[in-house]
Amino acid sequence: MNMANMQLKTIPAETRILQELEKAQAKAWDALSRYKCWMFGYHASQWVLLNRLLPEPKPNPFRAAVQLARQFAGTPINQGEPE
């Protein structure tokens, strides 16, 4: 096949990042639902890393889970969060 005739399908970087964000979020929740806490952490951290690449970062979908965990641990809700 001639390379000159081949059309490459390109996806804008932001679109690709958003697709990967969705995948990471789905994998994180799936891992947590199966008590795979280490894998939840891995995929959640991938989500955070990808989110930092966006021009306007999205709200963290794991925030409610973290707040719930802090309630059970007796840790103040806003500890460790930027003001």
N, C-alpha and C. Protein backbone atom coordinates (compact mmCIF):
# COMPACT_ATOMS: atom_id res chain seq x y z
N MET A 1 0.84 -1.17 0.00
CA MET A 1 0.00 0.00 0.00
C MET A 1 0.89 1.24 0.00
N ASN A 2 0.55 2.18 -0.83
CA ASN A 2 1.31 3.41 -0.96
C ASN A 2 1.01 4.34 0.22
N MET A 3 2.06 4.80 0.91
CA MET A 3 1.88 5.65 2.09
C MET A 3 1.25 6.99 1.73
N ALA A 4 1.47 7.47 0.51
CA ALA A 4 0.91 8.75 0.09
C ALA A 4 -0.61 8.67 -0.02
N ASN A 5 -1.14 7.50 -0.35
CA ASN A 5 -2.58 7.32 -0.51
C ASN A 5 -3.28 7.00 0.81
N MET A 6 -2.50 6.67 1.81
CA MET A 6 -3.09 6.29 3.08
C MET A 6 -3.48 7.53 3.87
N GLN A 7 -4.72 7.59 4.33
CA GLN A 7 -5.17 8.71 5.13
C GLN A 7 -5.12 8.30 6.60
N LEU A 8 -4.46 9.11 7.39
CA LEU A 8 -4.37 8.83 8.81
C LEU A 8 -5.53 9.49 9.53
N LYS A 9 -6.16 8.75 10.39
CA LYS A 9 -7.26 9.29 11.18
C LYS A 9 -6.65 9.93 12.43
N THR A 10 -6.83 11.22 12.55
CA THR A 10 -6.29 11.90 13.72
C THR A 10 -7.43 12.36 14.62
N ILE A 11 -7.18 12.27 15.89
CA ILE A 11 -8.16 12.68 16.90
C ILE A 11 -7.54 13.85 17.66
N PRO A 12 -8.28 14.93 17.84
CA PRO A 12 -7.72 16.04 18.62
C PRO A 12 -7.30 15.58 20.02
N ALA A 13 -6.23 16.16 20.52
CA ALA A 13 -5.66 15.74 21.80
C ALA A 13 -6.68 15.83 22.93
N GLU A 14 -7.44 16.91 23.00
CA GLU A 14 -8.42 17.06 24.09
C GLU A 14 -9.49 15.98 24.03
N THR A 15 -9.92 15.63 22.82
CA THR A 15 -10.92 14.57 22.66
C THR A 15 -10.36 13.24 23.14
N ARG A 16 -9.13 12.98 22.79
CA ARG A 16 -8.47 11.73 23.21
C ARG A 16 -8.33 11.68 24.73
N ILE A 17 -7.95 12.79 25.34
CA ILE A 17 -7.82 12.84 26.80
C ILE A 17 -9.18 12.59 27.46
N LEU A 18 -10.24 13.19 26.92
CA LEU A 18 -11.58 12.98 27.48
C LEU A 18 -12.00 11.51 27.36
N GLN A 19 -11.66 10.87 26.26
CA GLN A 19 -11.96 9.45 26.09
C GLN A 19 -11.22 8.62 27.13
N GLU A 20 -9.96 8.93 27.34
CA GLU A 20 -9.16 8.19 28.32
C GLU A 20 -9.63 8.46 29.74
N LEU A 21 -10.11 9.68 30.00
CA LEU A 21 -10.69 10.00 31.32
C LEU A 21 -11.88 9.09 31.60
N GLU A 22 -12.76 8.96 30.62
CA GLU A 22 -13.94 8.11 30.78
C GLU A 22 -13.54 6.66 31.07
N LYS A 23 -12.56 6.17 30.34
CA LYS A 23 -12.10 4.80 30.54
C LYS A 23 -11.51 4.62 31.94
N ALA A 24 -10.67 5.56 32.36
CA ALA A 24 -10.03 5.47 33.67
C ALA A 24 -11.08 5.51 34.79
N GLN A 25 -12.07 6.37 34.65
CA GLN A 25 -13.12 6.47 35.66
C GLN A 25 -13.92 5.17 35.73
N ALA A 26 -14.30 4.63 34.60
CA ALA A 26 -15.06 3.38 34.58
C ALA A 26 -14.26 2.24 35.20
N LYS A 27 -12.98 2.17 34.86
CA LYS A 27 -12.13 1.10 35.42
C LYS A 27 -11.94 1.27 36.92
N ALA A 28 -11.83 2.52 37.37
CA ALA A 28 -11.67 2.76 38.81
C ALA A 28 -12.90 2.30 39.58
N TRP A 29 -14.07 2.70 39.13
CA TRP A 29 -15.30 2.29 39.83
C TRP A 29 -15.50 0.78 39.76
N ASP A 30 -15.18 0.20 38.63
CA ASP A 30 -15.29 -1.25 38.49
C ASP A 30 -14.36 -1.96 39.47
N ALA A 31 -13.14 -1.48 39.58
CA ALA A 31 -12.18 -2.09 40.51
C ALA A 31 -12.66 -1.98 41.94
N LEU A 32 -13.16 -0.80 42.31
CA LEU A 32 -13.64 -0.61 43.69
C LEU A 32 -14.85 -1.50 43.97
N SER A 33 -15.71 -1.67 42.99
CA SER A 33 -16.90 -2.51 43.18
C SER A 33 -16.55 -3.98 43.38
N ARG A 34 -15.33 -4.36 42.99
CA ARG A 34 -14.89 -5.75 43.15
C ARG A 34 -13.84 -5.89 44.26
N TYR A 35 -13.77 -4.87 45.15
CA TYR A 35 -12.81 -4.87 46.27
C TYR A 35 -11.36 -4.92 45.80
N LYS A 36 -11.08 -4.41 44.63
CA LYS A 36 -9.71 -4.32 44.11
C LYS A 36 -9.20 -2.91 44.39
N CYS A 37 -8.94 -2.65 45.67
CA CYS A 37 -8.63 -1.29 46.10
C CYS A 37 -7.35 -0.75 45.48
N TRP A 38 -6.35 -1.58 45.30
CA TRP A 38 -5.11 -1.12 44.68
C TRP A 38 -5.36 -0.69 43.24
N MET A 39 -6.17 -1.47 42.54
CA MET A 39 -6.47 -1.13 41.15
C MET A 39 -7.34 0.12 41.07
N PHE A 40 -8.23 0.29 42.06
CA PHE A 40 -9.00 1.53 42.12
C PHE A 40 -8.04 2.71 42.21
N GLY A 41 -7.09 2.62 43.11
CA GLY A 41 -6.12 3.70 43.28
C GLY A 41 -5.33 3.98 42.02
N TYR A 42 -4.95 2.92 41.33
CA TYR A 42 -4.19 3.08 40.08
C TYR A 42 -5.02 3.85 39.05
N HIS A 43 -6.24 3.39 38.81
CA HIS A 43 -7.07 4.02 37.78
C HIS A 43 -7.53 5.41 38.19
N ALA A 44 -7.81 5.61 39.47
CA ALA A 44 -8.19 6.94 39.94
C ALA A 44 -7.03 7.91 39.76
N SER A 45 -5.81 7.46 40.03
CA SER A 45 -4.65 8.34 39.85
C SER A 45 -4.41 8.63 38.36
N GLN A 46 -4.71 7.68 37.50
CA GLN A 46 -4.60 7.93 36.06
C GLN A 46 -5.60 9.01 35.65
N TRP A 47 -6.79 8.94 36.23
CA TRP A 47 -7.81 9.95 35.94
C TRP A 47 -7.30 11.34 36.35
N VAL A 48 -6.73 11.44 37.55
CA VAL A 48 -6.21 12.72 38.04
C VAL A 48 -5.11 13.23 37.12
N LEU A 49 -4.20 12.36 36.74
CA LEU A 49 -3.10 12.76 35.86
C LEU A 49 -3.63 13.27 34.52
N LEU A 50 -4.55 12.56 33.91
CA LEU A 50 -5.12 12.98 32.63
C LEU A 50 -5.89 14.29 32.77
N ASN A 51 -6.60 14.43 33.87
CA ASN A 51 -7.40 15.63 34.10
C ASN A 51 -6.52 16.88 34.15
N ARG A 52 -5.32 16.74 34.65
CA ARG A 52 -4.39 17.86 34.73
C ARG A 52 -3.95 18.34 33.34
N LEU A 53 -4.10 17.50 32.34
CA LEU A 53 -3.70 17.86 30.98
C LEU A 53 -4.75 18.70 30.26
N LEU A 54 -5.96 18.74 30.80
CA LEU A 54 -7.04 19.50 30.15
C LEU A 54 -6.89 21.00 30.40
N PRO A 55 -7.30 21.82 29.43
CA PRO A 55 -7.25 23.27 29.64
C PRO A 55 -8.13 23.71 30.82
N GLU A 56 -9.29 23.08 30.96
CA GLU A 56 -10.20 23.33 32.08
C GLU A 56 -10.49 21.99 32.75
N PRO A 57 -9.79 21.69 33.85
CA PRO A 57 -9.99 20.39 34.51
C PRO A 57 -11.42 20.17 34.97
N LYS A 58 -11.83 18.91 34.95
CA LYS A 58 -13.17 18.51 35.39
C LYS A 58 -13.15 18.29 36.90
N PRO A 59 -14.32 18.38 37.55
CA PRO A 59 -14.38 18.07 38.98
C PRO A 59 -14.06 16.59 39.21
N ASN A 60 -13.40 16.31 40.30
CA ASN A 60 -12.99 14.94 40.60
C ASN A 60 -14.21 14.07 40.94
N PRO A 61 -14.46 13.00 40.16
CA PRO A 61 -15.63 12.15 40.42
C PRO A 61 -15.47 11.28 41.66
N PHE A 62 -14.27 11.24 42.23
CA PHE A 62 -14.01 10.39 43.39
C PHE A 62 -14.08 11.16 44.70
N ARG A 63 -14.40 12.44 44.63
CA ARG A 63 -14.43 13.30 45.81
C ARG A 63 -15.41 12.78 46.86
N ALA A 64 -16.60 12.39 46.46
CA ALA A 64 -17.60 11.89 47.41
C ALA A 64 -17.10 10.62 48.11
N ALA A 65 -16.42 9.76 47.37
CA ALA A 65 -15.88 8.53 47.96
C ALA A 65 -14.81 8.86 48.99
N VAL A 66 -13.98 9.85 48.69
CA VAL A 66 -12.93 10.27 49.62
C VAL A 66 -13.56 10.87 50.87
N GLN A 67 -14.58 11.70 50.70
CA GLN A 67 -15.24 12.30 51.85
C GLN A 67 -15.89 11.23 52.73
N LEU A 68 -16.50 10.23 52.12
CA LEU A 68 -17.09 9.14 52.87
C LEU A 68 -16.03 8.38 53.67
N ALA A 69 -14.91 8.11 53.03
CA ALA A 69 -13.82 7.41 53.72
C ALA A 69 -13.29 8.24 54.88
N ARG A 70 -13.21 9.55 54.71
CA ARG A 70 -12.74 10.42 55.79
C ARG A 70 -13.71 10.42 56.96
N GLN A 71 -15.00 10.34 56.68
CA GLN A 71 -15.99 10.26 57.76
C GLN A 71 -15.79 9.00 58.58
N PHE A 72 -15.58 7.88 57.91
CA PHE A 72 -15.37 6.62 58.62
C PHE A 72 -14.05 6.61 59.38
N ALA A 73 -13.05 7.31 58.85
CA ALA A 73 -11.74 7.35 59.49
C ALA A 73 -11.69 8.40 60.60
N GLY A 74 -12.70 9.26 60.67
CA GLY A 74 -12.71 10.31 61.66
C GLY A 74 -11.80 11.47 61.31
N THR A 75 -11.45 11.58 60.03
CA THR A 75 -10.59 12.65 59.54
C THR A 75 -11.47 13.83 59.12
N PRO A 76 -11.07 15.06 59.43
CA PRO A 76 -11.86 16.20 58.97
C PRO A 76 -12.03 16.17 57.45
N ILE A 77 -13.20 16.53 56.99
CA ILE A 77 -13.56 16.45 55.57
C ILE A 77 -12.60 17.25 54.69
N ASN A 78 -12.21 18.45 55.13
CA ASN A 78 -11.41 19.31 54.27
C ASN A 78 -9.90 19.14 54.46
N GLN A 79 -9.47 18.17 55.26
CA GLN A 79 -8.04 17.98 55.48
C GLN A 79 -7.35 17.57 54.18
N GLY A 80 -6.26 18.24 53.87
CA GLY A 80 -5.47 17.89 52.70
C GLY A 80 -5.96 18.48 51.40
N GLU A 81 -7.06 19.23 51.44
CA GLU A 81 -7.59 19.83 50.22
C GLU A 81 -7.19 21.29 50.15
N PRO A 82 -6.93 21.79 48.96
CA PRO A 82 -6.62 23.22 48.83
C PRO A 82 -7.84 24.06 49.21
N GLU A 83 -7.60 25.21 49.77
CA GLU A 83 -8.71 26.08 50.19
C GLU A 83 -9.15 26.99 49.09
